[in-house]
Protein backbone atom coordinates (compact mmCIF):
# COMPACT_ATOMS: atom_id res chain seq x y z
CA MET A 1 1.08 -48.71 0.24
CA THR A 2 1.36 -45.88 -2.16
CA ASP A 3 4.87 -44.05 -2.04
CA MET A 4 4.78 -41.23 0.13
CA SER A 5 6.02 -38.49 -3.16
CA ASP A 6 3.16 -40.31 -5.49
CA ARG A 7 0.22 -39.25 -2.71
CA ARG A 8 1.70 -35.54 -2.57
CA GLN A 9 2.11 -35.41 -5.61
CA ARG A 10 -1.92 -36.59 -6.44
CA LEU A 11 -2.74 -33.94 -3.92
CA VAL A 12 -0.94 -31.22 -5.55
CA ARG A 13 -3.07 -32.47 -8.80
CA MET A 14 -6.09 -32.31 -6.50
CA ALA A 15 -5.19 -29.22 -5.18
CA ALA A 16 -4.62 -27.64 -8.86
CA SER A 17 -7.97 -28.90 -10.02
CA VAL A 18 -9.83 -27.39 -7.19
CA VAL A 19 -8.09 -24.05 -7.84
CA GLU A 20 -9.34 -24.15 -11.82
CA ALA A 21 -13.22 -24.58 -10.27
CA SER A 22 -13.79 -24.99 -6.88
CA GLU A 23 -16.93 -26.83 -6.88
CA ARG A 24 -14.72 -30.22 -7.64
CA ILE A 25 -13.86 -29.95 -3.92
CA LYS A 26 -16.90 -31.38 -3.45
CA LEU A 27 -16.39 -34.96 -5.47
CA LEU A 28 -13.29 -35.48 -3.17
CA PRO A 29 -13.55 -37.84 -0.58
CA LEU A 30 -13.17 -36.31 2.90
CA LYS A 31 -9.60 -36.67 4.15
CA GLU A 32 -8.71 -35.20 0.33
CA ARG A 33 -11.05 -32.23 0.12
CA LEU A 34 -9.92 -31.68 4.07
CA ALA A 35 -6.08 -31.43 2.57
CA VAL A 36 -6.88 -29.66 -0.64
CA ALA A 37 -8.72 -27.01 1.74
CA LEU A 38 -5.72 -27.08 4.19
CA ILE A 39 -3.13 -27.06 1.34
CA LEU A 40 -5.01 -24.32 -0.70
CA ASN A 41 -5.30 -22.05 2.91
CA ARG A 42 -9.05 -21.99 2.03
CA PRO A 43 -11.50 -23.40 4.99
CA GLN A 44 -14.22 -22.36 3.49
CA LEU A 45 -14.29 -25.57 0.93
CA PHE A 46 -14.95 -27.70 4.41
CA PRO A 47 -17.56 -29.81 4.08
CA GLU A 48 -20.14 -27.87 5.20
CA GLY A 49 -18.92 -25.90 7.64
CA ASP A 50 -18.53 -28.95 9.69
CA PHE A 51 -14.86 -28.62 10.75
CA THR A 52 -12.95 -25.57 11.67
CA ILE A 53 -9.31 -25.66 11.36
CA LEU A 54 -8.02 -27.69 13.93
CA GLN A 55 -10.92 -30.10 13.72
CA ALA A 56 -9.42 -30.82 9.88
CA VAL A 57 -6.17 -31.35 11.29
CA ALA A 58 -7.31 -33.38 14.09
CA PHE A 59 -9.25 -35.20 12.00
CA LEU A 60 -6.67 -35.73 9.41
CA GLY A 61 -3.65 -36.54 11.52
CA GLU A 62 0.44 -36.86 11.82
CA GLU A 63 0.94 -38.40 8.34
CA TRP A 64 -1.87 -36.27 6.38
CA VAL A 65 -0.97 -33.43 7.68
CA LYS A 66 2.35 -34.01 6.93
CA LEU A 67 1.68 -35.24 3.13
CA ALA A 68 -0.56 -31.74 2.72
CA ILE A 69 2.50 -29.75 3.73
CA GLU A 70 4.79 -31.26 1.72
CA ALA A 71 2.34 -30.62 -1.30
CA GLU A 72 1.90 -27.14 0.00
CA LYS A 73 5.88 -26.89 -0.86
CA ALA A 74 5.93 -28.86 -3.92
CA PRO A 75 6.81 -27.07 -7.69
CA TRP A 76 3.89 -26.53 -9.42
CA PRO A 77 2.18 -27.78 -12.09
CA ILE A 78 2.87 -31.27 -11.08
CA GLU A 79 2.96 -32.77 -14.40
């Protein structure tokens, strides 16, 4: 299993990529897409409006939410 800090850095890189070009979010797997949308505080990036914020949090589960919170707090940009 990948180390938590590696996964956090990966999420930060994904979020930074989406900030540069928001259409990139559509290329991400569902959990990463939801996590990045939450990290960026942009629920409009959820797939086709299929999720509310609470539904996204419930779908992601505790580990992913914790990871997203850590990624949100991480220094940007990640090298």
